[in-house]
Amino acid sequence: MATGDGRRATGDGRRATGDGRRATGDGRRATGDGRTVLFAARSAVALYRLLDVLPVFSGDDRVTRLFTLVPGSDFGADALTAIDALGGRTVPWGEACGRSYDLVVAASPKGDLRLLRGPHVLLPHGAGFNKSIAGEGSADSASGLGPAFLRRAAHDAPIALHALAHPDQVAKVAEANPRAARHAKVVGDLTLERVLASSSLRDGYRAALGTGARKLLALASTWGPESLLRRHPGLPAQLAARLPYDEYQLALIVHPNERSRLGTYELTERLSPALDAGMVLPDPHEEWASVLVAADALVTDHGSTALYFCAARDRPVVSVHPGGGELIPGSPMSVLLDRAPRLERAEEIVDALRAYRPGPARAAARAAFAPPGDAVDKLRTEMYALLGLTPPAHEVTPRTLPVPAPALRVPAAFDVQARTTAAGVRITRHPAGAGPPGHHLAVEHGAAGERLARSAGLLYRRALPASAAPVDRAWTADGWTRHALSAYPGCRSAAVVPANGGALLRVRGHEQAYAVQVEPRPEEDRIVRLDPAVALSAVHARLVSPEPVPDSPVMLNCLIGDRTFRLTLRPATDPEAAQAI
């Protein structure tokens, strides 16, 4: 399979690591206190599961950690890339099969694991047994429970521990192959432990994503023909066009196999309309879980990512999977999707979210995971027993998830619907071109392209960062608005948003400039602030209307969704007009 840099992974898993290092040694198992653990990954998703296990051996210099790629998967190249990024020491497959190890750890029963010598630990690479994949064993067996896989695990590979997350999973293994269940134990789910350990970081994740007071709606797509992206490839862009930008933020979590199949470039090109509208596309290793912690609601297919969302808190879940097909009846995902509202069209998303009733999420999580809290300790105890070592005295806890990266692209031009009501001016913004044309086009000068700037009804500029130049020059606020109205004859209003808050606006044909102040809105024990650039659209709509021009301070309500923000509009003072931007 072609790698991201055009090279092909060879059949024996050989490939140079990023820093040129390869594991060396004489091929013998460690003696004395030294132990060698081989992490065998067949795909990126399996590798990411193994990486969650690494803290089990944290701080122990008696344990040497090595990696190898198990050949045979179409999705193996990204696993090599991830090992390179980690800086892990890799052993080519052919060389790995010639050595013996104190422990071999894998997160998938697939591939020729029997060729790796040493006691095997098998971990799950998803939350339970939810899908039946064509070409993997029999049609009625879950992925990973096919008779051929379990027969190899029971007879050919020396399985010392099959670590599972729920008693029902042990029962499923026993039902499929009693001999394979002899070493099956409920240990827990280390990925879930990381999600739960990161719950107190939620506000920080939302701040990093730029979510603010908006609702973060995550979309989860598994891989294969029944996935969200295969069945509904246009859904992300349709939701971006439907949901108001100032009320909702979108994020799309894509299964690593699907990312490997397409490649990052092809994936982002296909998703370009939604990404241009500000959708977040998190990294498939850890950021996806950070986004789940931050999210307010989830749209999902039958992939098990949804179960991690459900386990943290009972939040709205909407399904785009029709049932049947790959989804196994009675599985945890079936428990969830059978009771979750179904989304048929993007236009129905708000109603579908409102239709969710608490209960299905918790029920599905209970069906997938044993009570959490001690998975790291349990797995550590089991693995050190297999190594014949006493664990180090220091405590090992689940590592919190990293802060996610913000959206790749942030829209800087908006089609604005402005509707004057008795309660105030209701503003609804959509990224330009994503939704229907509105009352005016609001464009941020210096961030959007020149074509959009020349089409703007409202053109605004934010203050530039402080310059390091020894001799600097800057516009005054009123000077730039006059310049913009002169340089852009189609523009009706020009405005600036200074760094110290508020805004200054000038309307074509008006003699004076106006100062705009936005009052923060208290909500329970929090304060909600509105970007002055949003408030400018309400002021613009008011000042270009037939109503009389105010010559003294007036109060104006700006309505955003179910929130009301109080604005003060008055003639600008000379110091306000002269401030540098």
Protein backbone atom coordinates (compact mmCIF):
# COMPACT_ATOMS: atom_id res chain seq x y z
CA MET A 1 0.00 0.00 0.00
CA ALA A 2 1.33 3.45 -0.82
CA THR A 3 2.50 5.53 2.10
CA GLY A 4 1.88 9.26 2.45
CA ASP A 5 5.29 10.10 0.97
CA GLY A 6 4.83 7.80 -2.04
CA ARG A 7 6.80 4.83 -0.67
CA ARG A 8 5.23 1.42 -0.36
CA ALA A 9 5.24 -0.63 2.81
CA THR A 10 6.95 -3.95 2.06
CA GLY A 11 5.47 -7.31 2.84
CA ASP A 12 7.75 -7.87 5.79
CA GLY A 13 6.92 -4.50 7.28
CA ARG A 14 10.33 -2.95 6.53
CA ARG A 15 10.54 0.79 6.41
CA ALA A 16 12.99 3.26 7.80
CA THR A 17 11.78 5.24 10.80
CA GLY A 18 11.68 9.02 10.75
CA ASP A 19 15.02 9.41 12.51
CA GLY A 20 16.65 6.43 10.82
CA ARG A 21 16.64 4.28 13.95
CA ARG A 22 15.80 0.60 13.98
CA ALA A 23 15.68 -1.69 16.94
CA THR A 24 18.82 -3.76 17.33
CA GLY A 25 19.67 -6.72 19.47
CA ASP A 26 20.82 -10.31 19.35
CA GLY A 27 17.30 -11.74 19.03
CA ARG A 28 17.34 -13.38 22.48
CA ARG A 29 14.76 -12.76 25.19
CA ALA A 30 15.93 -10.60 28.05
CA THR A 31 17.44 -12.25 31.11
CA GLY A 32 17.57 -11.08 34.73
CA ASP A 33 15.33 -8.09 35.39
CA GLY A 34 15.33 -6.90 31.77
CA ARG A 35 12.22 -7.59 29.67
CA THR A 36 11.35 -6.83 26.06
CA VAL A 37 7.75 -6.11 25.06
CA LEU A 38 6.79 -6.07 21.39
CA PHE A 39 3.75 -4.02 20.37
CA ALA A 40 2.40 -5.54 17.14
CA ALA A 41 0.07 -3.28 15.16
CA ARG A 42 -1.70 -4.16 11.93
CA SER A 43 -3.29 -0.76 11.28
CA ALA A 44 -3.30 2.77 12.62
CA VAL A 45 -6.42 2.21 14.73
CA ALA A 46 -4.83 -0.86 16.36
CA LEU A 47 -1.64 1.10 17.02
CA TYR A 48 -3.54 3.94 18.68
CA ARG A 49 -5.08 1.41 21.06
CA LEU A 50 -1.63 0.09 21.89
CA LEU A 51 -0.36 3.59 22.59
CA ASP A 52 -3.03 3.97 25.27
CA VAL A 53 -1.44 0.95 26.99
CA LEU A 54 2.09 2.40 27.14
CA PRO A 55 1.60 4.15 30.52
CA VAL A 56 1.31 0.69 32.09
CA PHE A 57 5.11 0.44 31.78
CA SER A 58 5.78 4.13 32.41
CA GLY A 59 8.95 4.89 34.33
CA ASP A 60 10.25 1.29 34.29
CA ASP A 61 13.75 1.02 32.80
CA ARG A 62 13.57 -2.77 33.06
CA VAL A 63 11.11 -2.87 30.15
CA THR A 64 12.19 -2.23 26.55
CA ARG A 65 9.32 -1.31 24.24
CA LEU A 66 9.53 -2.22 20.54
CA PHE A 67 7.07 -1.97 17.66
CA THR A 68 6.42 -3.98 14.52
CA LEU A 69 3.90 -3.77 11.71
CA VAL A 70 1.87 -6.93 11.13
CA PRO A 71 1.52 -7.23 7.34
CA GLY A 72 -1.70 -7.89 5.49
CA SER A 73 -3.80 -4.79 6.13
CA ASP A 74 -4.70 -2.15 3.57
CA PHE A 75 -4.36 0.43 6.35
CA GLY A 76 -0.88 -0.32 7.64
CA ALA A 77 1.09 2.61 6.19
CA ASP A 78 -0.39 5.16 8.59
CA ALA A 79 0.61 2.95 11.51
CA LEU A 80 4.24 3.24 10.43
CA THR A 81 3.89 6.99 10.14
CA ALA A 82 2.46 7.17 13.65
CA ILE A 83 5.32 5.08 15.09
CA ASP A 84 7.78 7.40 13.35
CA ALA A 85 6.06 10.44 14.86
CA LEU A 86 6.18 8.82 18.29
CA GLY A 87 9.89 8.10 17.93
CA GLY A 88 9.34 4.42 18.69
CA ARG A 89 11.90 1.78 17.81
CA THR A 90 10.65 -0.51 15.07
CA VAL A 91 11.54 -4.09 14.20
CA PRO A 92 10.89 -5.20 10.60
CA TRP A 93 8.34 -8.02 10.45
CA GLY A 94 10.74 -10.62 9.10
CA GLU A 95 13.23 -9.83 11.85
CA ALA A 96 10.50 -9.74 14.52
CA CYS A 97 9.45 -13.28 13.58
CA GLY A 98 12.99 -14.50 14.20
CA ARG A 99 13.16 -13.28 17.78
CA SER A 100 11.52 -14.21 21.07
CA TYR A 101 9.89 -11.68 23.36
CA ASP A 102 8.81 -11.59 26.97
CA LEU A 103 5.43 -10.23 25.89
CA VAL A 104 3.71 -9.58 22.56
CA VAL A 105 0.85 -7.05 22.76
CA ALA A 106 -1.67 -6.69 19.93
CA ALA A 107 -5.01 -4.94 19.53
CA SER A 108 -6.34 -7.15 16.74
CA PRO A 109 -6.43 -10.96 16.33
CA LYS A 110 -5.92 -10.60 12.58
CA GLY A 111 -2.71 -11.33 10.74
CA ASP A 112 -0.02 -13.95 11.37
CA LEU A 113 0.49 -13.19 15.05
CA ARG A 114 1.29 -16.87 15.60
CA LEU A 115 4.68 -16.20 14.01
CA LEU A 116 5.66 -13.90 16.89
CA ARG A 117 7.24 -15.90 19.70
CA GLY A 118 6.32 -15.09 23.27
CA PRO A 119 3.16 -14.91 25.42
CA HIS A 120 0.49 -12.81 23.72
CA VAL A 121 -1.80 -10.16 25.20
CA LEU A 122 -4.79 -9.33 23.02
CA LEU A 123 -6.62 -6.04 23.51
CA PRO A 124 -9.82 -4.82 21.85
CA HIS A 125 -9.55 -2.01 19.31
CA GLY A 126 -13.09 -0.75 19.73
CA ALA A 127 -15.88 -0.54 22.29
CA GLY A 128 -17.42 -3.99 22.18
CA PHE A 129 -18.52 -6.24 19.33
CA ASN A 130 -20.92 -4.14 17.27
CA LYS A 131 -20.19 -4.78 13.59
CA SER A 132 -20.00 -7.72 11.26
CA ILE A 133 -17.50 -6.99 8.49
CA ALA A 134 -17.80 -8.68 5.10
CA GLY A 135 -14.85 -10.95 4.40
CA GLU A 136 -13.97 -11.42 8.06
CA GLY A 137 -15.11 -14.86 9.10
CA SER A 138 -18.81 -15.67 8.97
CA ALA A 139 -21.54 -13.16 8.19
CA ASP A 140 -23.14 -13.50 11.64
CA SER A 141 -20.00 -13.01 13.72
CA ALA A 142 -18.73 -9.68 15.01
CA SER A 143 -15.49 -8.24 13.76
CA GLY A 144 -12.75 -9.96 15.79
CA LEU A 145 -15.01 -12.89 16.75
CA GLY A 146 -14.87 -14.79 13.46
CA PRO A 147 -14.32 -18.51 13.97
CA ALA A 148 -11.07 -18.46 11.98
CA PHE A 149 -9.59 -15.66 14.10
CA LEU A 150 -10.58 -17.26 17.39
CA ARG A 151 -9.39 -20.67 16.27
CA ARG A 152 -5.97 -19.23 15.52
CA ALA A 153 -5.97 -17.38 18.83
CA ALA A 154 -6.91 -20.52 20.75
CA HIS A 155 -4.72 -23.07 18.96
CA ASP A 156 -1.90 -21.33 17.12
CA ALA A 157 -0.97 -18.16 19.01
CA PRO A 158 0.06 -18.45 22.68
CA ILE A 159 -2.63 -16.12 24.10
CA ALA A 160 -1.87 -15.46 27.76
CA LEU A 161 -4.45 -12.71 28.27
CA HIS A 162 -7.44 -11.56 26.23
CA ALA A 163 -8.29 -8.27 27.92
CA LEU A 164 -11.90 -7.16 27.46
CA ALA A 165 -14.02 -4.26 28.66
CA HIS A 166 -17.29 -5.92 29.76
CA PRO A 167 -18.46 -9.32 31.07
CA ASP A 168 -20.76 -9.70 28.07
CA GLN A 169 -17.69 -9.59 25.82
CA VAL A 170 -16.15 -12.50 27.71
CA ALA A 171 -19.42 -14.38 27.22
CA LYS A 172 -19.37 -13.61 23.49
CA VAL A 173 -15.85 -15.00 23.15
CA ALA A 174 -16.83 -18.12 25.10
CA GLU A 175 -19.89 -18.60 22.93
CA ALA A 176 -17.83 -18.33 19.76
CA ASN A 177 -14.95 -20.54 20.96
CA PRO A 178 -14.83 -21.86 24.55
CA ARG A 179 -11.15 -22.64 24.32
CA ALA A 180 -10.36 -19.06 23.27
CA ALA A 181 -12.17 -17.79 26.38
CA ARG A 182 -9.87 -19.53 28.85
CA HIS A 183 -7.63 -16.47 29.11
CA ALA A 184 -10.33 -13.82 28.61
CA LYS A 185 -10.71 -11.36 31.49
CA VAL A 186 -12.56 -8.14 32.12
CA VAL A 187 -9.87 -5.51 32.49
CA GLY A 188 -11.64 -2.37 31.31
CA ASP A 189 -11.12 0.10 28.50
CA LEU A 190 -8.05 2.33 28.74
CA THR A 191 -9.31 4.74 26.10
CA LEU A 192 -12.48 5.26 28.11
CA GLU A 193 -10.37 5.87 31.23
CA ARG A 194 -8.54 8.65 29.38
CA VAL A 195 -11.82 10.21 28.22
CA LEU A 196 -13.20 10.22 31.77
CA ALA A 197 -9.93 11.47 33.27
CA SER A 198 -10.09 14.45 30.90
CA SER A 199 -13.60 15.61 31.79
CA SER A 200 -12.32 18.54 33.87
CA LEU A 201 -10.39 19.80 30.84
CA ARG A 202 -13.60 20.33 28.86
CA ASP A 203 -13.62 24.12 29.14
CA GLY A 204 -10.01 24.26 27.99
CA TYR A 205 -10.74 22.04 25.00
CA ARG A 206 -13.67 24.25 24.00
CA ALA A 207 -11.53 27.37 24.34
CA ALA A 208 -8.82 25.85 22.13
CA LEU A 209 -11.41 24.87 19.51
CA GLY A 210 -12.94 28.34 19.54
CA THR A 211 -16.33 26.93 20.49
CA GLY A 212 -17.28 29.58 23.05
CA ALA A 213 -20.96 29.59 23.95
CA ARG A 214 -21.94 27.76 20.77
CA LYS A 215 -23.14 24.17 20.70
CA LEU A 216 -20.42 21.84 19.45
CA LEU A 217 -22.00 19.20 17.22
CA ALA A 218 -19.66 16.28 16.49
CA LEU A 219 -20.17 13.91 13.58
CA ALA A 220 -18.66 10.43 13.87
CA SER A 221 -17.97 8.32 10.79
CA THR A 222 -16.67 4.77 10.97
CA TRP A 223 -15.18 3.08 7.90
CA GLY A 224 -16.70 0.87 5.23
CA PRO A 225 -19.70 1.08 2.93
CA GLU A 226 -22.22 1.80 5.70
CA SER A 227 -20.28 4.67 7.26
CA LEU A 228 -21.60 8.20 7.53
CA LEU A 229 -19.14 9.53 4.96
CA ARG A 230 -19.85 6.78 2.43
CA ARG A 231 -23.63 6.97 2.70
CA HIS A 232 -23.95 10.71 3.34
CA PRO A 233 -20.80 12.35 1.92
CA GLY A 234 -22.50 15.73 1.64
CA LEU A 235 -23.88 15.82 5.19
CA PRO A 236 -21.05 17.89 6.77
CA ALA A 237 -21.42 20.64 4.16
CA GLN A 238 -25.22 20.49 4.36
CA LEU A 239 -25.14 20.95 8.13
CA ALA A 240 -22.65 23.81 7.80
CA ALA A 241 -25.08 25.49 5.41
CA ARG A 242 -28.06 24.83 7.67
CA LEU A 243 -26.81 25.64 11.17
CA PRO A 244 -26.18 29.30 12.12
CA TYR A 245 -22.45 29.93 12.57
CA ASP A 246 -22.90 31.87 15.82
CA GLU A 247 -24.99 29.12 17.41
CA TYR A 248 -23.27 25.89 16.30
CA GLN A 249 -19.77 24.60 15.65
CA LEU A 250 -19.19 21.40 13.67
CA ALA A 251 -16.49 18.76 14.10
CA LEU A 252 -16.05 15.55 12.09
CA ILE A 253 -14.37 12.48 13.60
CA VAL A 254 -13.20 10.12 10.85
CA HIS A 255 -12.14 6.52 11.50
CA PRO A 256 -8.39 5.99 10.94
CA ASN A 257 -9.08 3.34 8.30
CA GLU A 258 -11.08 5.79 6.23
CA ARG A 259 -8.33 8.38 6.55
CA SER A 260 -5.79 5.76 5.48
CA ARG A 261 -7.94 4.72 2.52
CA LEU A 262 -8.24 8.25 1.17
CA GLY A 263 -5.16 10.00 2.51
CA THR A 264 -5.31 13.31 4.34
CA TYR A 265 -5.09 15.42 1.18
CA GLU A 266 -7.94 13.62 -0.60
CA LEU A 267 -10.08 13.65 2.53
CA THR A 268 -9.68 17.38 3.10
CA GLU A 269 -10.36 18.12 -0.56
CA ARG A 270 -13.61 16.16 -0.40
CA LEU A 271 -14.59 17.96 2.80
CA SER A 272 -13.49 21.37 1.55
CA PRO A 273 -16.93 23.09 1.63
CA ALA A 274 -17.46 22.13 5.28
CA LEU A 275 -13.86 22.91 6.24
CA ASP A 276 -14.15 26.33 4.57
CA ALA A 277 -17.19 26.92 6.77
CA GLY A 278 -15.10 26.33 9.91
CA MET A 279 -15.61 22.60 10.60
CA VAL A 280 -13.00 21.01 12.88
CA LEU A 281 -11.25 17.85 11.63
CA PRO A 282 -9.42 16.38 14.65
CA ASP A 283 -6.37 14.15 14.51
CA PRO A 284 -7.32 10.44 14.53
CA HIS A 285 -4.99 9.47 17.38
CA GLU A 286 -6.05 11.41 20.48
CA GLU A 287 -7.72 14.65 19.40
CA TRP A 288 -10.90 12.83 18.37
CA ALA A 289 -11.46 11.89 22.01
CA SER A 290 -10.74 15.46 23.17
CA VAL A 291 -13.44 16.65 20.78
CA LEU A 292 -15.88 14.10 22.21
CA VAL A 293 -15.23 15.50 25.69
CA ALA A 294 -15.89 19.02 24.40
CA ALA A 295 -18.98 18.20 22.32
CA ASP A 296 -22.59 18.97 23.23
CA ALA A 297 -24.24 16.51 20.84
CA LEU A 298 -23.33 13.75 18.39
CA VAL A 299 -24.49 12.57 14.96
CA THR A 300 -23.27 9.03 14.40
CA ASP A 301 -23.39 5.93 12.25
CA HIS A 302 -22.92 2.47 13.79
CA GLY A 303 -19.25 2.96 14.74
CA SER A 304 -18.28 2.51 18.38
CA THR A 305 -16.87 6.04 18.75
CA ALA A 306 -20.35 7.03 19.91
CA LEU A 307 -20.07 4.81 22.97
CA TYR A 308 -17.20 6.87 24.38
CA PHE A 309 -19.33 9.97 23.93
CA CYS A 310 -22.20 8.27 25.78
CA ALA A 311 -20.06 7.05 28.68
CA ALA A 312 -18.97 10.51 29.79
CA ARG A 313 -22.37 12.22 30.07
CA ASP A 314 -25.87 11.67 28.75
CA ARG A 315 -25.93 14.11 25.85
CA PRO A 316 -28.08 14.10 22.69
CA VAL A 317 -27.24 11.45 20.09
CA VAL A 318 -28.77 11.34 16.61
CA SER A 319 -28.39 8.38 14.24
CA VAL A 320 -27.85 8.32 10.48
CA HIS A 321 -27.68 4.51 10.32
CA PRO A 322 -30.87 2.71 9.25
CA GLY A 323 -30.16 -0.46 11.24
CA GLY A 324 -29.45 -3.92 9.92
CA GLY A 325 -26.52 -4.52 7.62
CA GLU A 326 -23.25 -4.55 9.54
CA LEU A 327 -24.91 -3.59 12.84
CA ILE A 328 -25.29 -6.62 15.10
CA PRO A 329 -28.69 -6.82 16.85
CA GLY A 330 -28.45 -6.56 20.62
CA SER A 331 -24.97 -5.03 20.53
CA PRO A 332 -24.27 -1.84 22.54
CA MET A 333 -24.49 0.27 19.38
CA SER A 334 -27.79 -1.39 18.52
CA VAL A 335 -29.05 -0.50 22.00
CA LEU A 336 -28.16 3.12 21.30
CA LEU A 337 -29.33 3.47 17.70
CA ASP A 338 -32.63 1.66 18.26
CA ARG A 339 -33.67 4.44 20.67
CA ALA A 340 -31.90 7.51 19.27
CA PRO A 341 -33.69 9.94 16.94
CA ARG A 342 -33.01 9.30 13.26
CA LEU A 343 -31.77 12.05 10.95
CA GLU A 344 -33.17 11.70 7.45
CA ARG A 345 -32.27 15.13 6.06
CA ALA A 346 -29.86 17.86 7.17
CA GLU A 347 -32.78 20.30 7.39
CA GLU A 348 -34.19 18.26 10.28
CA ILE A 349 -31.08 18.39 12.49
CA VAL A 350 -32.38 20.85 15.11
CA ASP A 351 -35.65 18.93 15.53
CA ALA A 352 -33.74 15.63 15.75
CA LEU A 353 -31.50 16.98 18.52
CA ARG A 354 -34.52 18.24 20.43
CA ALA A 355 -36.22 14.85 20.05
CA TYR A 356 -33.50 13.06 22.04
CA ARG A 357 -34.61 11.95 25.48
CA PRO A 358 -32.12 10.97 28.23
CA GLY A 359 -31.57 7.25 28.68
CA PRO A 360 -30.28 5.59 25.51
CA ALA A 361 -26.73 6.92 25.90
CA ARG A 362 -26.33 5.63 29.44
CA ALA A 363 -27.90 2.28 28.55
CA ALA A 364 -25.50 1.81 25.64
CA ALA A 365 -22.47 2.74 27.76
CA ARG A 366 -23.47 0.24 30.45
CA ALA A 367 -23.75 -2.45 27.78
CA ALA A 368 -20.27 -1.68 26.43
CA PHE A 369 -18.15 -0.93 29.50
CA ALA A 370 -17.74 -2.38 32.96
CA PRO A 371 -17.75 0.24 35.74
CA PRO A 372 -14.64 2.34 35.00
CA GLY A 373 -11.90 3.57 37.27
CA ASP A 374 -9.31 0.83 37.61
CA ALA A 375 -8.50 -0.38 34.08
CA VAL A 376 -4.90 0.84 34.22
CA ASP A 377 -4.25 -0.90 37.54
CA LYS A 378 -5.86 -4.12 36.38
CA LEU A 379 -3.94 -4.29 33.12
CA ARG A 380 -0.70 -3.32 34.85
CA THR A 381 -1.13 -6.11 37.38
CA GLU A 382 -1.86 -8.69 34.67
CA MET A 383 1.02 -7.67 32.42
CA TYR A 384 3.63 -7.55 35.15
CA ALA A 385 2.52 -10.96 36.34
CA LEU A 386 3.10 -12.29 32.82
CA LEU A 387 6.54 -10.64 32.79
CA GLY A 388 7.39 -12.13 36.16
CA LEU A 389 8.16 -8.70 37.61
CA THR A 390 6.88 -6.62 40.48
CA PRO A 391 5.43 -3.33 39.22
CA PRO A 392 7.31 -0.16 40.21
CA ALA A 393 6.14 1.50 43.40
CA HIS A 394 4.98 4.71 41.73
CA GLU A 395 1.33 5.13 40.82
CA VAL A 396 0.26 5.07 37.17
CA THR A 397 -2.89 6.92 36.17
CA PRO A 398 -4.63 7.45 32.81
CA ARG A 399 -3.04 10.25 30.84
CA THR A 400 -5.31 13.15 30.03
CA LEU A 401 -6.05 13.85 26.40
CA PRO A 402 -4.18 16.62 24.54
CA VAL A 403 -5.64 20.01 23.77
CA PRO A 404 -7.21 19.74 20.28
CA ALA A 405 -6.18 21.99 17.42
CA PRO A 406 -8.71 24.56 16.18
CA ALA A 407 -10.36 24.49 12.78
CA LEU A 408 -8.02 24.47 9.78
CA ARG A 409 -9.93 27.37 8.24
CA VAL A 410 -11.98 30.14 9.83
CA PRO A 411 -14.56 31.92 7.66
CA ALA A 412 -14.06 35.66 7.27
CA ALA A 413 -17.14 36.51 5.19
CA PHE A 414 -20.76 35.89 6.10
CA ASP A 415 -24.15 36.03 4.46
CA VAL A 416 -26.19 37.78 7.14
CA GLN A 417 -29.92 37.47 7.65
CA ALA A 418 -31.09 40.55 9.56
CA ARG A 419 -34.71 40.71 10.65
CA THR A 420 -36.09 43.60 12.71
CA THR A 421 -38.70 42.55 15.29
CA ALA A 422 -40.34 44.18 18.28
CA ALA A 423 -37.69 42.50 20.47
CA GLY A 424 -34.71 43.77 18.44
CA VAL A 425 -32.68 42.88 15.37
CA ARG A 426 -32.29 39.14 14.86
CA ILE A 427 -28.96 38.25 13.25
CA THR A 428 -28.31 34.87 11.64
CA ARG A 429 -24.94 34.38 9.93
CA HIS A 430 -23.75 31.64 7.58
CA PRO A 431 -20.31 31.46 5.96
CA ALA A 432 -20.48 33.19 2.58
CA GLY A 433 -21.66 30.82 -0.13
CA ALA A 434 -22.64 28.06 2.31
CA GLY A 435 -26.19 29.22 2.95
CA PRO A 436 -28.76 31.47 1.27
CA PRO A 437 -27.95 35.13 0.45
CA GLY A 438 -29.03 37.47 3.20
CA HIS A 439 -29.70 41.10 4.04
CA HIS A 440 -26.02 41.91 3.56
CA LEU A 441 -22.59 40.38 3.12
CA ALA A 442 -20.30 41.10 6.10
CA VAL A 443 -16.60 40.72 5.29
CA GLU A 444 -13.49 41.00 7.44
CA HIS A 445 -10.94 43.05 5.53
CA GLY A 446 -7.45 41.59 5.67
CA ALA A 447 -8.77 38.06 6.28
CA ALA A 448 -11.08 37.48 3.31
CA GLY A 449 -10.09 37.78 -0.34
CA GLU A 450 -10.42 40.94 -2.41
CA ARG A 451 -13.39 39.64 -4.43
CA LEU A 452 -15.44 39.21 -1.28
CA ALA A 453 -14.27 42.58 0.08
CA ARG A 454 -15.54 44.31 -3.07
CA SER A 455 -18.90 42.59 -2.70
CA ALA A 456 -19.35 43.53 0.97
CA GLY A 457 -22.25 45.57 2.26
CA LEU A 458 -20.50 45.76 5.64
CA LEU A 459 -16.70 45.78 5.58
CA TYR A 460 -14.90 45.62 8.92
CA ARG A 461 -11.34 45.32 10.10
CA ARG A 462 -9.83 44.12 13.35
CA ALA A 463 -6.89 45.81 15.04
CA LEU A 464 -3.50 44.48 13.94
CA PRO A 465 -1.08 42.95 16.46
CA ALA A 466 1.54 45.27 17.89
CA SER A 467 4.36 45.85 15.43
CA ALA A 468 8.02 45.22 16.21
CA ALA A 469 9.12 47.81 13.61
CA PRO A 470 11.41 50.59 14.94
CA VAL A 471 9.21 53.16 13.19
CA ASP A 472 5.58 52.13 12.92
CA ARG A 473 2.54 53.53 11.14
CA ALA A 474 -1.11 52.70 11.79
CA TRP A 475 -4.55 53.80 10.64
CA THR A 476 -6.83 55.72 12.93
CA ALA A 477 -10.20 54.09 13.39
CA ASP A 478 -12.13 56.80 11.57
CA GLY A 479 -9.37 57.21 8.99
CA TRP A 480 -9.66 53.57 7.94
CA THR A 481 -13.47 53.66 7.71
CA ARG A 482 -13.28 56.73 5.44
CA HIS A 483 -10.60 55.04 3.33
CA ALA A 484 -12.65 51.82 3.04
CA LEU A 485 -15.78 53.66 1.89
CA SER A 486 -13.70 55.45 -0.72
CA ALA A 487 -11.80 52.36 -1.92
CA TYR A 488 -14.86 50.08 -2.00
CA PRO A 489 -17.72 51.99 -3.64
CA GLY A 490 -20.15 49.08 -3.25
CA CYS A 491 -19.73 49.04 0.52
CA ARG A 492 -22.50 50.75 2.53
CA SER A 493 -20.82 50.61 5.96
CA ALA A 494 -17.22 50.31 7.12
CA ALA A 495 -16.19 49.53 10.69
CA VAL A 496 -13.24 48.73 12.90
CA VAL A 497 -13.04 46.43 15.92
CA PRO A 498 -10.29 47.77 18.24
CA ALA A 499 -8.37 45.48 20.54
CA ASN A 500 -9.88 47.14 23.63
CA GLY A 501 -13.42 46.11 22.72
CA GLY A 502 -16.42 47.79 21.17
CA ALA A 503 -16.47 49.00 17.57
CA LEU A 504 -16.60 52.13 15.46
CA LEU A 505 -18.75 52.28 12.35
CA ARG A 506 -19.31 54.78 9.55
CA VAL A 507 -22.22 54.58 7.10
CA ARG A 508 -21.98 55.98 3.60
CA GLY A 509 -23.80 59.31 3.44
CA HIS A 510 -23.79 59.85 7.21
CA GLU A 511 -21.83 62.80 8.55
CA GLN A 512 -20.68 61.16 11.75
CA ALA A 513 -19.12 57.91 12.89
CA TYR A 514 -20.83 55.77 15.53
CA ALA A 515 -19.46 53.96 18.54
CA VAL A 516 -20.91 50.57 19.39
CA GLN A 517 -20.64 48.94 22.81
CA VAL A 518 -21.82 45.38 23.56
CA GLU A 519 -22.90 44.45 27.06
CA PRO A 520 -21.89 40.99 28.34
CA ARG A 521 -24.81 38.70 29.05
CA PRO A 522 -24.98 36.93 32.44
CA GLU A 523 -26.09 33.28 32.31
CA GLU A 524 -26.37 31.53 35.66
CA ASP A 525 -22.80 31.74 37.02
CA ARG A 526 -21.17 32.59 33.69
CA ILE A 527 -20.73 35.58 31.40
CA VAL A 528 -21.42 35.31 27.66
CA ARG A 529 -19.72 37.86 25.40
CA LEU A 530 -20.64 38.65 21.82
CA ASP A 531 -17.98 39.37 19.21
CA PRO A 532 -18.47 43.06 18.27
CA ALA A 533 -18.17 42.02 14.62
CA VAL A 534 -21.48 40.17 15.00
CA ALA A 535 -23.11 43.15 16.70
CA LEU A 536 -22.00 45.37 13.81
CA SER A 537 -24.41 43.53 11.52
CA ALA A 538 -27.32 44.49 13.77
CA VAL A 539 -26.17 48.12 13.87
CA HIS A 540 -25.63 48.16 10.10
CA ALA A 541 -29.16 46.86 9.54
CA ARG A 542 -30.53 49.56 11.83
CA LEU A 543 -28.59 52.45 10.28
CA VAL A 544 -29.31 51.60 6.62
CA SER A 545 -33.03 51.22 7.36
CA PRO A 546 -35.52 54.06 6.76
CA GLU A 547 -35.67 54.82 10.49
CA PRO A 548 -34.32 58.19 11.65
CA VAL A 549 -30.58 58.38 12.31
CA PRO A 550 -29.87 58.59 16.07
CA ASP A 551 -28.08 61.73 17.26
CA SER A 552 -27.95 60.60 20.87
CA PRO A 553 -27.25 57.25 22.55
CA VAL A 554 -29.88 54.56 21.82
CA MET A 555 -30.21 51.02 23.08
CA LEU A 556 -30.55 48.20 20.58
CA ASN A 557 -31.15 44.49 21.16
CA CYS A 558 -29.17 42.02 19.05
CA LEU A 559 -30.82 38.58 19.01
CA ILE A 560 -28.57 35.55 18.41
CA GLY A 561 -30.46 32.28 18.67
CA ASP A 562 -32.18 32.25 22.04
CA ARG A 563 -29.84 34.92 23.48
CA THR A 564 -30.39 38.69 23.61
CA PHE A 565 -27.43 41.07 23.77
CA ARG A 566 -27.81 44.75 24.65
CA LEU A 567 -25.99 47.21 22.40
CA THR A 568 -25.40 50.92 22.90
CA LEU A 569 -25.20 53.00 19.72
CA ARG A 570 -24.05 56.64 19.93
CA PRO A 571 -21.99 59.19 18.03
CA ALA A 572 -18.28 58.46 18.39
CA THR A 573 -16.10 60.80 20.40
CA ASP A 574 -12.98 62.38 18.94
CA PRO A 575 -10.63 60.13 20.97
CA GLU A 576 -12.54 57.04 19.77
CA ALA A 577 -12.30 58.17 16.16
CA ALA A 578 -8.57 58.93 16.53
CA GLN A 579 -7.50 55.68 18.22
CA ALA A 580 -4.87 53.67 16.36
CA ILE A 581 -5.79 50.30 14.90
